[in-house]
């Protein structure tokens, strides 16, 4: 029951993911971080088979770092997204990865951006996107409430609405979520949302 979604606001991009590691009817852990920091200004949220997700995101992270080491400059968000798409497309014809990706980044020239990359190597630049069973509800909420140039407070409020909807609609809903942001200050964790029994949704 994975849920990964993201959106672009005024001067920032958010990526949100559940933190459950589940196989069949078993919950292995509830603090799995599915949003990887590629570099100081890029985040990669991923859903899919656990092994593919971890292996592929680590592979992309190390190659982004290698490019910066060799050339002295980091990849732009668009370049990182196209590199990721290319690697998925290459693997698709050999040994495909079952992984879907939301890549968020911030560039000084172009500002924040969000890229949707699915397991068959489709790439789209978007304002909002979602993967997993939670996408049925989070996309509906974002379609209704999202608007361009959202403030951070508005974006977090919308994220909370999506989480509440996911928890109330899914039969087996993930209890915990992590919210990460990338803006001119860099990529970092913003908030965590815990199950209602542990803490109020809006409490930090």
N, C-alpha and C. Protein backbone atom coordinates (compact mmCIF):
# COMPACT_ATOMS: atom_id res chain seq x y z
N UNK A 1 0.83 -1.20 0.00
CA UNK A 1 0.00 0.00 0.00
C UNK A 1 0.87 1.25 0.00
N UNK A 2 1.80 1.31 -0.93
CA UNK A 2 2.74 2.44 -0.96
C UNK A 2 2.04 3.72 -1.42
N UNK A 3 2.54 4.83 -0.90
CA UNK A 3 2.01 6.14 -1.27
C UNK A 3 3.18 7.12 -1.40
N UNK A 4 3.42 7.61 -2.59
CA UNK A 4 4.43 8.63 -2.83
C UNK A 4 3.79 9.72 -3.68
N UNK A 5 3.85 10.97 -3.22
CA UNK A 5 3.31 12.05 -4.02
C UNK A 5 4.11 13.32 -3.79
N UNK A 6 3.96 14.26 -4.71
CA UNK A 6 4.73 15.49 -4.62
C UNK A 6 4.06 16.62 -5.36
N UNK A 7 4.53 17.84 -5.09
CA UNK A 7 3.98 19.02 -5.75
C UNK A 7 5.03 20.13 -5.76
N UNK A 8 4.81 21.09 -6.65
CA UNK A 8 5.69 22.26 -6.76
C UNK A 8 4.92 23.49 -6.28
N UNK A 9 5.54 24.25 -5.40
CA UNK A 9 4.94 25.49 -4.91
C UNK A 9 5.77 26.70 -5.33
N UNK A 10 5.57 27.80 -4.65
CA UNK A 10 6.28 29.03 -4.96
C UNK A 10 7.68 28.99 -4.35
N UNK A 11 8.65 28.62 -5.17
CA UNK A 11 10.04 28.59 -4.73
C UNK A 11 10.47 27.30 -4.06
N UNK A 12 9.66 26.25 -4.13
CA UNK A 12 10.02 24.99 -3.49
C UNK A 12 9.29 23.83 -4.15
N UNK A 13 9.76 22.63 -3.88
CA UNK A 13 9.06 21.41 -4.27
C UNK A 13 9.02 20.48 -3.07
N UNK A 14 7.89 19.81 -2.88
CA UNK A 14 7.71 18.86 -1.78
C UNK A 14 7.59 17.44 -2.33
N UNK A 15 8.17 16.49 -1.62
CA UNK A 15 7.96 15.07 -1.91
C UNK A 15 7.54 14.41 -0.61
N UNK A 16 6.48 13.62 -0.67
CA UNK A 16 5.91 12.96 0.51
C UNK A 16 5.85 11.46 0.26
N UNK A 17 6.18 10.68 1.27
CA UNK A 17 6.13 9.23 1.14
C UNK A 17 5.72 8.58 2.44
N UNK A 18 5.07 7.43 2.33
CA UNK A 18 4.85 6.63 3.53
C UNK A 18 6.18 6.00 3.95
N UNK A 19 6.24 5.47 5.15
CA UNK A 19 7.50 4.92 5.67
C UNK A 19 7.35 3.44 6.02
N UNK A 20 6.42 2.75 5.36
CA UNK A 20 6.18 1.34 5.67
C UNK A 20 6.93 0.44 4.68
N UNK A 21 7.57 -0.59 5.21
CA UNK A 21 8.18 -1.64 4.39
C UNK A 21 7.33 -2.88 4.56
N UNK A 22 6.58 -3.22 3.51
CA UNK A 22 5.57 -4.28 3.61
C UNK A 22 5.83 -5.35 2.57
N UNK A 23 5.62 -6.61 2.96
CA UNK A 23 5.66 -7.72 2.01
C UNK A 23 4.48 -8.62 2.30
N UNK A 24 3.60 -8.76 1.31
CA UNK A 24 2.40 -9.56 1.47
C UNK A 24 1.60 -9.03 2.67
N UNK A 25 1.34 -9.88 3.67
CA UNK A 25 0.56 -9.46 4.83
C UNK A 25 1.44 -9.03 5.99
N UNK A 26 2.75 -8.95 5.77
CA UNK A 26 3.68 -8.63 6.86
C UNK A 26 4.20 -7.20 6.74
N UNK A 27 4.28 -6.52 7.87
CA UNK A 27 4.93 -5.21 7.95
C UNK A 27 6.32 -5.43 8.55
N UNK A 28 7.35 -5.19 7.78
CA UNK A 28 8.71 -5.43 8.25
C UNK A 28 9.22 -4.27 9.10
N UNK A 29 8.88 -3.05 8.71
CA UNK A 29 9.29 -1.87 9.48
C UNK A 29 8.39 -0.70 9.12
N UNK A 30 8.37 0.29 9.99
CA UNK A 30 7.50 1.45 9.76
C UNK A 30 8.29 2.75 9.74
N UNK A 31 9.61 2.65 9.54
CA UNK A 31 10.44 3.86 9.47
C UNK A 31 11.36 3.84 8.25
N UNK A 32 10.89 3.23 7.17
CA UNK A 32 11.67 3.15 5.93
C UNK A 32 11.61 4.49 5.19
N UNK A 33 12.76 5.07 4.92
CA UNK A 33 12.81 6.35 4.20
C UNK A 33 12.89 6.08 2.70
N UNK A 34 11.82 6.41 1.98
CA UNK A 34 11.75 6.13 0.55
C UNK A 34 12.07 7.37 -0.30
N UNK A 35 12.53 8.43 0.35
CA UNK A 35 12.91 9.64 -0.37
C UNK A 35 14.41 9.85 -0.20
N UNK A 36 15.16 9.62 -1.26
CA UNK A 36 16.62 9.72 -1.19
C UNK A 36 17.09 11.11 -1.59
N UNK A 37 18.07 11.61 -0.88
CA UNK A 37 18.71 12.88 -1.21
C UNK A 37 19.82 12.58 -2.22
N UNK A 38 19.64 13.02 -3.46
CA UNK A 38 20.64 12.76 -4.50
C UNK A 38 21.86 13.65 -4.32
N UNK A 39 21.61 14.93 -4.08
CA UNK A 39 22.68 15.87 -3.75
C UNK A 39 22.05 17.00 -2.94
N UNK A 40 22.72 18.11 -2.81
CA UNK A 40 22.22 19.19 -1.95
C UNK A 40 20.91 19.79 -2.44
N UNK A 41 20.58 19.63 -3.73
CA UNK A 41 19.39 20.27 -4.28
C UNK A 41 18.49 19.32 -5.05
N UNK A 42 18.54 18.04 -4.74
CA UNK A 42 17.69 17.08 -5.45
C UNK A 42 17.19 16.00 -4.50
N UNK A 43 15.91 15.64 -4.67
CA UNK A 43 15.29 14.56 -3.91
C UNK A 43 14.68 13.57 -4.87
N UNK A 44 14.76 12.29 -4.53
CA UNK A 44 14.17 11.24 -5.35
C UNK A 44 13.26 10.37 -4.49
N UNK A 45 11.95 10.51 -4.68
CA UNK A 45 11.00 9.65 -4.01
C UNK A 45 10.68 8.47 -4.91
N UNK A 46 10.69 7.26 -4.35
CA UNK A 46 10.51 6.07 -5.18
C UNK A 46 9.53 5.10 -4.54
N UNK A 47 8.80 4.39 -5.39
CA UNK A 47 7.92 3.31 -4.94
C UNK A 47 8.14 2.12 -5.86
N UNK A 48 7.82 0.94 -5.36
CA UNK A 48 8.01 -0.27 -6.14
C UNK A 48 8.59 -1.38 -5.30
N UNK A 49 9.06 -2.43 -5.96
CA UNK A 49 9.68 -3.54 -5.25
C UNK A 49 10.85 -3.04 -4.41
N UNK A 50 10.92 -3.48 -3.17
CA UNK A 50 11.90 -2.93 -2.22
C UNK A 50 13.33 -3.06 -2.73
N UNK A 51 13.69 -4.22 -3.25
CA UNK A 51 15.05 -4.42 -3.73
C UNK A 51 15.38 -3.52 -4.91
N UNK A 52 14.46 -3.46 -5.89
CA UNK A 52 14.66 -2.59 -7.05
C UNK A 52 14.74 -1.14 -6.64
N UNK A 53 13.86 -0.74 -5.72
CA UNK A 53 13.82 0.65 -5.28
C UNK A 53 15.15 1.07 -4.64
N UNK A 54 15.64 0.28 -3.71
CA UNK A 54 16.88 0.62 -3.01
C UNK A 54 18.07 0.57 -3.97
N UNK A 55 18.17 -0.49 -4.76
CA UNK A 55 19.32 -0.65 -5.66
C UNK A 55 19.37 0.45 -6.71
N UNK A 56 18.21 0.75 -7.33
CA UNK A 56 18.21 1.73 -8.41
C UNK A 56 18.44 3.14 -7.89
N UNK A 57 17.80 3.52 -6.79
CA UNK A 57 17.99 4.88 -6.27
C UNK A 57 19.43 5.10 -5.80
N UNK A 58 20.03 4.09 -5.20
CA UNK A 58 21.43 4.22 -4.80
C UNK A 58 22.34 4.33 -6.02
N UNK A 59 22.02 3.58 -7.07
CA UNK A 59 22.79 3.65 -8.31
C UNK A 59 22.74 5.06 -8.91
N UNK A 60 21.56 5.65 -8.95
CA UNK A 60 21.41 7.01 -9.48
C UNK A 60 22.15 8.01 -8.59
N UNK A 61 22.00 7.87 -7.28
CA UNK A 61 22.68 8.78 -6.35
C UNK A 61 24.19 8.77 -6.56
N UNK A 62 24.77 7.59 -6.68
CA UNK A 62 26.23 7.49 -6.83
C UNK A 62 26.69 8.05 -8.18
N UNK A 63 25.89 7.86 -9.23
CA UNK A 63 26.27 8.37 -10.53
C UNK A 63 26.13 9.89 -10.61
N UNK A 64 25.15 10.45 -9.93
CA UNK A 64 25.03 11.91 -9.85
C UNK A 64 26.25 12.49 -9.14
N UNK A 65 26.66 11.83 -8.05
CA UNK A 65 27.85 12.28 -7.32
C UNK A 65 29.11 12.12 -8.17
N UNK A 66 29.19 11.04 -8.94
CA UNK A 66 30.36 10.80 -9.80
C UNK A 66 30.48 11.87 -10.87
N UNK A 67 29.34 12.26 -11.46
CA UNK A 67 29.36 13.31 -12.48
C UNK A 67 29.90 14.61 -11.90
N UNK A 68 29.43 14.97 -10.71
CA UNK A 68 29.89 16.20 -10.08
C UNK A 68 31.37 16.12 -9.73
N UNK A 69 31.83 14.96 -9.30
CA UNK A 69 33.24 14.77 -8.96
C UNK A 69 34.12 14.90 -10.21
N UNK A 70 33.69 14.33 -11.31
CA UNK A 70 34.48 14.35 -12.54
C UNK A 70 34.49 15.72 -13.21
N UNK A 71 33.36 16.42 -13.16
CA UNK A 71 33.20 17.65 -13.94
C UNK A 71 33.25 18.93 -13.12
N UNK A 72 33.15 18.80 -11.81
CA UNK A 72 33.23 19.98 -10.96
C UNK A 72 31.95 20.78 -10.86
N UNK A 73 30.91 20.35 -11.56
CA UNK A 73 29.61 21.03 -11.48
C UNK A 73 28.52 19.96 -11.34
N UNK A 74 27.43 20.27 -10.63
CA UNK A 74 26.37 19.27 -10.46
C UNK A 74 25.47 19.21 -11.69
N UNK A 75 24.80 18.10 -11.86
CA UNK A 75 23.76 17.99 -12.87
C UNK A 75 22.59 18.89 -12.52
N UNK A 76 21.95 19.47 -13.52
CA UNK A 76 20.70 20.17 -13.27
C UNK A 76 19.62 19.13 -12.98
N UNK A 77 18.49 19.58 -12.47
CA UNK A 77 17.39 18.65 -12.18
C UNK A 77 16.90 17.98 -13.46
N UNK A 78 16.79 18.75 -14.54
CA UNK A 78 16.35 18.18 -15.81
C UNK A 78 17.34 17.13 -16.31
N UNK A 79 18.63 17.42 -16.18
CA UNK A 79 19.65 16.47 -16.63
C UNK A 79 19.61 15.19 -15.79
N UNK A 80 19.44 15.34 -14.49
CA UNK A 80 19.35 14.16 -13.62
C UNK A 80 18.12 13.32 -13.96
N UNK A 81 17.01 13.99 -14.27
CA UNK A 81 15.79 13.27 -14.64
C UNK A 81 15.98 12.52 -15.95
N UNK A 82 16.62 13.15 -16.92
CA UNK A 82 16.85 12.48 -18.21
C UNK A 82 17.84 11.34 -18.08
N UNK A 83 18.86 11.50 -17.22
CA UNK A 83 19.79 10.41 -16.96
C UNK A 83 19.06 9.22 -16.33
N UNK A 84 18.20 9.51 -15.36
CA UNK A 84 17.43 8.46 -14.69
C UNK A 84 16.53 7.75 -15.69
N UNK A 85 15.85 8.52 -16.52
CA UNK A 85 14.99 7.91 -17.55
C UNK A 85 15.79 7.02 -18.49
N UNK A 86 16.98 7.49 -18.88
CA UNK A 86 17.83 6.71 -19.77
C UNK A 86 18.25 5.39 -19.16
N UNK A 87 18.59 5.40 -17.87
CA UNK A 87 18.98 4.17 -17.20
C UNK A 87 17.81 3.20 -17.07
N UNK A 88 16.62 3.72 -16.80
CA UNK A 88 15.44 2.86 -16.74
C UNK A 88 15.13 2.27 -18.11
N UNK A 89 15.28 3.08 -19.16
CA UNK A 89 15.01 2.60 -20.52
C UNK A 89 16.00 1.51 -20.92
N UNK A 90 17.26 1.69 -20.55
CA UNK A 90 18.27 0.67 -20.85
C UNK A 90 17.95 -0.63 -20.10
N UNK A 91 17.62 -0.51 -18.82
CA UNK A 91 17.30 -1.69 -18.02
C UNK A 91 16.04 -2.38 -18.52
N UNK A 92 15.10 -1.60 -19.08
CA UNK A 92 13.83 -2.15 -19.54
C UNK A 92 14.03 -3.24 -20.59
N UNK A 93 15.11 -3.13 -21.36
CA UNK A 93 15.38 -4.08 -22.43
C UNK A 93 16.31 -5.22 -21.98
N UNK A 94 16.71 -5.19 -20.73
CA UNK A 94 17.61 -6.23 -20.21
C UNK A 94 17.01 -6.90 -18.98
N UNK A 95 17.04 -6.16 -17.87
CA UNK A 95 16.52 -6.67 -16.61
C UNK A 95 15.79 -5.52 -15.92
N UNK A 96 14.50 -5.33 -16.22
CA UNK A 96 13.81 -4.11 -15.80
C UNK A 96 13.71 -3.94 -14.29
N UNK A 97 13.73 -2.67 -13.88
CA UNK A 97 13.49 -2.32 -12.48
C UNK A 97 12.00 -2.00 -12.32
N UNK A 98 11.38 -2.58 -11.30
CA UNK A 98 9.99 -2.25 -11.00
C UNK A 98 9.99 -1.10 -10.00
N UNK A 99 10.20 0.09 -10.51
CA UNK A 99 10.32 1.26 -9.64
C UNK A 99 9.74 2.48 -10.35
N UNK A 100 8.97 3.27 -9.61
CA UNK A 100 8.41 4.52 -10.09
C UNK A 100 9.00 5.67 -9.28
N UNK A 101 9.29 6.77 -9.94
CA UNK A 101 10.11 7.82 -9.31
C UNK A 101 9.48 9.19 -9.46
N UNK A 102 9.56 9.97 -8.38
CA UNK A 102 9.31 11.41 -8.43
C UNK A 102 10.62 12.09 -8.09
N UNK A 103 11.16 12.86 -9.03
CA UNK A 103 12.43 13.54 -8.83
C UNK A 103 12.18 15.04 -8.71
N UNK A 104 12.49 15.59 -7.56
CA UNK A 104 12.30 17.02 -7.30
C UNK A 104 13.65 17.69 -7.14
N UNK A 105 13.75 18.91 -7.62
CA UNK A 105 15.02 19.63 -7.49
C UNK A 105 14.82 21.13 -7.55
N UNK A 106 15.90 21.82 -7.23
CA UNK A 106 15.88 23.29 -7.30
C UNK A 106 17.14 23.75 -8.02
N UNK A 107 16.96 24.57 -9.06
CA UNK A 107 18.07 25.14 -9.81
C UNK A 107 18.00 26.66 -9.73
N UNK A 108 19.12 27.30 -9.57
CA UNK A 108 19.14 28.76 -9.42
C UNK A 108 18.54 29.46 -10.64
N UNK A 109 18.75 28.90 -11.82
CA UNK A 109 18.28 29.54 -13.05
C UNK A 109 16.78 29.34 -13.27
N UNK A 110 16.29 28.15 -12.96
CA UNK A 110 14.91 27.80 -13.31
C UNK A 110 13.99 27.61 -12.11
N UNK A 111 14.53 27.57 -10.91
CA UNK A 111 13.71 27.39 -9.72
C UNK A 111 13.37 25.93 -9.48
N UNK A 112 12.28 25.66 -8.75
CA UNK A 112 11.92 24.28 -8.40
C UNK A 112 11.27 23.55 -9.57
N UNK A 113 11.42 22.25 -9.58
CA UNK A 113 10.78 21.44 -10.62
C UNK A 113 10.54 20.03 -10.09
N UNK A 114 9.61 19.34 -10.72
CA UNK A 114 9.24 17.99 -10.33
C UNK A 114 9.07 17.15 -11.59
N UNK A 115 9.68 15.97 -11.59
CA UNK A 115 9.63 15.08 -12.74
C UNK A 115 9.03 13.74 -12.35
N UNK A 116 8.15 13.28 -13.20
CA UNK A 116 7.45 11.99 -13.03
C UNK A 116 8.14 10.98 -13.96
N UNK A 117 8.65 9.90 -13.40
CA UNK A 117 9.32 8.86 -14.19
C UNK A 117 8.77 7.52 -13.75
N UNK A 118 8.11 6.78 -14.65
CA UNK A 118 7.55 5.50 -14.25
C UNK A 118 8.45 4.34 -14.66
N UNK A 119 8.03 3.14 -14.33
CA UNK A 119 8.89 1.97 -14.51
C UNK A 119 9.15 1.60 -15.97
N UNK A 120 8.33 2.12 -16.89
CA UNK A 120 8.60 1.88 -18.31
C UNK A 120 9.30 3.08 -18.95
N UNK A 121 9.90 3.92 -18.13
CA UNK A 121 10.79 5.00 -18.57
C UNK A 121 10.05 6.15 -19.27
N UNK A 122 8.82 6.42 -18.86
CA UNK A 122 8.14 7.63 -19.29
C UNK A 122 8.59 8.79 -18.42
N UNK A 123 8.84 9.93 -19.02
CA UNK A 123 9.33 11.10 -18.29
C UNK A 123 8.44 12.30 -18.59
N UNK A 124 7.97 12.96 -17.54
CA UNK A 124 7.16 14.16 -17.71
C UNK A 124 7.52 15.16 -16.61
N UNK A 125 7.62 16.42 -16.99
CA UNK A 125 7.75 17.48 -16.00
C UNK A 125 6.34 17.88 -15.58
N UNK A 126 6.08 17.88 -14.27
CA UNK A 126 4.72 18.08 -13.78
C UNK A 126 4.73 19.07 -12.61
N UNK A 127 3.54 19.55 -12.27
CA UNK A 127 3.36 20.39 -11.08
C UNK A 127 2.98 19.56 -9.87
N UNK A 128 2.35 18.42 -10.11
CA UNK A 128 1.94 17.52 -9.03
C UNK A 128 1.86 16.11 -9.60
N UNK A 129 2.12 15.12 -8.76
CA UNK A 129 2.11 13.74 -9.23
C UNK A 129 2.03 12.80 -8.03
N UNK A 130 1.69 11.53 -8.29
CA UNK A 130 1.59 10.55 -7.22
C UNK A 130 1.75 9.15 -7.79
N UNK A 131 2.23 8.23 -6.95
CA UNK A 131 2.34 6.82 -7.27
C UNK A 131 1.75 6.01 -6.13
N UNK A 132 1.40 4.76 -6.42
CA UNK A 132 0.92 3.85 -5.39
C UNK A 132 -0.59 3.92 -5.23
N UNK A 133 -1.11 3.08 -4.33
CA UNK A 133 -2.55 3.05 -4.10
C UNK A 133 -3.06 4.39 -3.57
N UNK A 134 -2.22 5.10 -2.83
CA UNK A 134 -2.63 6.40 -2.32
C UNK A 134 -2.81 7.45 -3.39
N UNK A 135 -2.32 7.18 -4.60
CA UNK A 135 -2.43 8.16 -5.68
C UNK A 135 -3.87 8.40 -6.09
N UNK A 136 -4.74 7.38 -5.92
CA UNK A 136 -6.15 7.55 -6.28
C UNK A 136 -6.77 8.71 -5.50
N UNK A 137 -6.35 8.87 -4.26
CA UNK A 137 -6.95 9.87 -3.38
C UNK A 137 -6.14 11.15 -3.33
N UNK A 138 -4.81 11.03 -3.32
CA UNK A 138 -3.98 12.24 -3.26
C UNK A 138 -4.08 13.04 -4.55
N UNK A 139 -4.17 12.37 -5.69
CA UNK A 139 -4.34 13.10 -6.96
C UNK A 139 -5.69 13.81 -7.00
N UNK A 140 -6.71 13.15 -6.48
CA UNK A 140 -8.03 13.79 -6.46
C UNK A 140 -8.02 15.04 -5.58
N UNK A 141 -7.36 14.95 -4.42
CA UNK A 141 -7.29 16.10 -3.52
C UNK A 141 -6.46 17.22 -4.14
N UNK A 142 -5.36 16.85 -4.80
CA UNK A 142 -4.51 17.88 -5.42
C UNK A 142 -5.20 18.52 -6.62
N UNK A 143 -5.95 17.73 -7.39
CA UNK A 143 -6.69 18.30 -8.51
C UNK A 143 -7.68 19.35 -8.03
N UNK A 144 -8.24 19.12 -6.86
CA UNK A 144 -9.25 20.05 -6.35
C UNK A 144 -8.63 21.27 -5.68
N UNK A 145 -7.56 21.08 -4.93
CA UNK A 145 -7.05 22.16 -4.07
C UNK A 145 -5.73 22.78 -4.53
N UNK A 146 -5.01 22.12 -5.43
CA UNK A 146 -3.71 22.65 -5.85
C UNK A 146 -3.87 23.88 -6.74
N UNK A 147 -2.98 24.83 -6.56
CA UNK A 147 -2.88 25.94 -7.51
C UNK A 147 -1.41 26.37 -7.59
N UNK A 148 -1.05 26.97 -8.68
CA UNK A 148 0.33 27.42 -8.87
C UNK A 148 0.69 28.47 -7.83
N UNK A 149 1.97 28.52 -7.50
CA UNK A 149 2.48 29.51 -6.54
C UNK A 149 1.88 29.33 -5.15
N UNK A 150 1.64 28.09 -4.74
CA UNK A 150 1.20 27.82 -3.37
C UNK A 150 2.30 28.21 -2.40
N UNK A 151 1.93 28.76 -1.26
CA UNK A 151 2.89 29.01 -0.21
C UNK A 151 3.21 27.69 0.48
N UNK A 152 4.27 27.68 1.27
CA UNK A 152 4.65 26.46 1.97
C UNK A 152 3.55 26.03 2.94
N UNK A 153 2.93 26.99 3.62
CA UNK A 153 1.87 26.66 4.56
C UNK A 153 0.68 26.03 3.84
N UNK A 154 0.32 26.57 2.67
CA UNK A 154 -0.78 26.00 1.89
C UNK A 154 -0.44 24.60 1.40
N UNK A 155 0.81 24.41 0.98
CA UNK A 155 1.23 23.10 0.48
C UNK A 155 1.20 22.05 1.58
N UNK A 156 1.68 22.40 2.77
CA UNK A 156 1.67 21.45 3.88
C UNK A 156 0.23 21.12 4.29
N UNK A 157 -0.64 22.13 4.25
CA UNK A 157 -2.05 21.90 4.56
C UNK A 157 -2.67 20.93 3.55
N UNK A 158 -2.32 21.08 2.28
CA UNK A 158 -2.82 20.18 1.25
C UNK A 158 -2.26 18.77 1.44
N UNK A 159 -0.98 18.67 1.79
CA UNK A 159 -0.38 17.36 2.07
C UNK A 159 -1.13 16.67 3.21
N UNK A 160 -1.45 17.41 4.25
CA UNK A 160 -2.19 16.84 5.38
C UNK A 160 -3.57 16.34 4.95
N UNK A 161 -4.22 17.09 4.05
CA UNK A 161 -5.52 16.65 3.54
C UNK A 161 -5.38 15.34 2.78
N UNK A 162 -4.31 15.23 1.99
CA UNK A 162 -4.07 13.99 1.24
C UNK A 162 -3.84 12.82 2.19
N UNK A 163 -3.04 13.05 3.24
CA UNK A 163 -2.74 11.98 4.20
C UNK A 163 -4.01 11.54 4.93
N UNK A 164 -4.83 12.49 5.34
CA UNK A 164 -6.09 12.16 6.01
C UNK A 164 -6.98 11.33 5.10
N UNK A 165 -7.04 11.71 3.82
CA UNK A 165 -7.88 10.98 2.87
C UNK A 165 -7.35 9.57 2.65
N UNK A 166 -6.04 9.42 2.53
CA UNK A 166 -5.44 8.09 2.36
C UNK A 166 -5.74 7.21 3.57
N UNK A 167 -5.58 7.77 4.75
CA UNK A 167 -5.82 6.99 5.96
C UNK A 167 -7.29 6.58 6.12
N UNK A 168 -8.19 7.41 5.65
CA UNK A 168 -9.61 7.11 5.83
C UNK A 168 -10.16 6.22 4.72
N UNK A 169 -9.49 6.17 3.57
CA UNK A 169 -10.04 5.44 2.42
C UNK A 169 -9.42 4.05 2.21
N UNK A 170 -8.13 3.91 2.45
CA UNK A 170 -7.48 2.63 2.19
C UNK A 170 -7.79 1.63 3.30
N UNK A 171 -8.05 0.40 2.91
CA UNK A 171 -8.33 -0.64 3.89
C UNK A 171 -7.13 -0.85 4.81
N UNK A 172 -5.96 -0.95 4.21
CA UNK A 172 -4.72 -1.07 4.98
C UNK A 172 -3.89 0.16 4.66
N UNK A 173 -4.05 1.21 5.45
CA UNK A 173 -3.38 2.48 5.16
C UNK A 173 -2.06 2.57 5.91
N UNK A 174 -1.01 3.09 5.27
CA UNK A 174 0.25 3.29 5.99
C UNK A 174 0.08 4.33 7.08
N UNK A 175 0.60 4.07 8.28
CA UNK A 175 0.35 5.00 9.39
C UNK A 175 1.23 6.24 9.38
N UNK A 176 2.47 6.11 8.90
CA UNK A 176 3.44 7.19 9.04
C UNK A 176 3.89 7.71 7.68
N UNK A 177 4.15 9.03 7.63
CA UNK A 177 4.59 9.67 6.39
C UNK A 177 5.75 10.62 6.69
N UNK A 178 6.61 10.81 5.71
CA UNK A 178 7.69 11.79 5.81
C UNK A 178 7.53 12.80 4.69
N UNK A 179 7.75 14.07 5.02
CA UNK A 179 7.63 15.16 4.05
C UNK A 179 9.01 15.80 3.91
N UNK A 180 9.51 15.87 2.68
CA UNK A 180 10.80 16.51 2.42
C UNK A 180 10.63 17.65 1.43
N UNK A 181 11.49 18.65 1.57
CA UNK A 181 11.40 19.85 0.75
C UNK A 181 12.74 20.14 0.10
N UNK A 182 12.69 20.74 -1.09
CA UNK A 182 13.90 21.26 -1.72
C UNK A 182 13.59 22.67 -2.20
N UNK A 183 14.43 23.62 -1.81
CA UNK A 183 14.26 25.01 -2.21
C UNK A 183 15.64 25.65 -2.29
N UNK A 184 15.71 26.97 -2.28
CA UNK A 184 17.00 27.63 -2.40
C UNK A 184 17.92 27.33 -1.21
N UNK A 185 17.36 26.86 -0.12
CA UNK A 185 18.14 26.49 1.05
C UNK A 185 18.66 25.06 1.01
N UNK A 186 18.27 24.31 -0.01
CA UNK A 186 18.73 22.93 -0.15
C UNK A 186 17.63 21.91 0.10
N UNK A 187 18.01 20.65 0.03
CA UNK A 187 17.07 19.54 0.23
C UNK A 187 17.16 19.07 1.69
N UNK A 188 16.00 18.87 2.31
CA UNK A 188 15.99 18.48 3.72
C UNK A 188 14.62 17.93 4.10
N UNK A 189 14.59 17.27 5.25
CA UNK A 189 13.32 16.80 5.79
C UNK A 189 12.59 17.97 6.43
N UNK A 190 11.29 18.05 6.17
CA UNK A 190 10.49 19.15 6.69
C UNK A 190 9.66 18.72 7.90
N UNK A 191 8.86 17.66 7.72
CA UNK A 191 8.00 17.18 8.80
C UNK A 191 7.87 15.67 8.70
N UNK A 192 7.37 15.08 9.78
CA UNK A 192 6.89 13.70 9.77
C UNK A 192 5.47 13.68 10.30
N UNK A 193 4.67 12.81 9.71
CA UNK A 193 3.29 12.66 10.15
C UNK A 193 3.13 11.24 10.69
N UNK A 194 2.76 11.13 11.95
CA UNK A 194 2.65 9.83 12.60
C UNK A 194 1.19 9.42 12.69
N UNK A 195 1.00 8.14 13.01
CA UNK A 195 -0.36 7.62 13.12
C UNK A 195 -1.13 8.39 14.20
N UNK A 196 -2.42 8.42 14.03
CA UNK A 196 -3.25 9.23 14.92
C UNK A 196 -3.06 8.81 16.39
N UNK A 197 -2.81 7.54 16.62
CA UNK A 197 -2.61 7.08 17.99
C UNK A 197 -1.33 7.59 18.62
N UNK A 198 -0.33 7.90 17.78
CA UNK A 198 0.96 8.36 18.30
C UNK A 198 0.99 9.85 18.56
N UNK A 199 0.42 10.64 17.63
CA UNK A 199 0.49 12.09 17.75
C UNK A 199 -0.56 12.71 16.86
N UNK A 200 -1.06 13.89 17.19
CA UNK A 200 -1.99 14.60 16.31
C UNK A 200 -1.34 14.87 14.97
N UNK A 201 -2.14 14.92 13.91
CA UNK A 201 -1.61 15.07 12.56
C UNK A 201 -0.80 16.34 12.40
N UNK A 202 -1.29 17.44 12.94
CA UNK A 202 -0.64 18.73 12.72
C UNK A 202 0.45 19.02 13.75
N UNK A 203 0.61 18.18 14.75
CA UNK A 203 1.59 18.45 15.80
C UNK A 203 3.00 18.11 15.34
N UNK A 204 3.98 18.87 15.78
CA UNK A 204 5.38 18.62 15.45
C UNK A 204 6.17 18.48 16.74
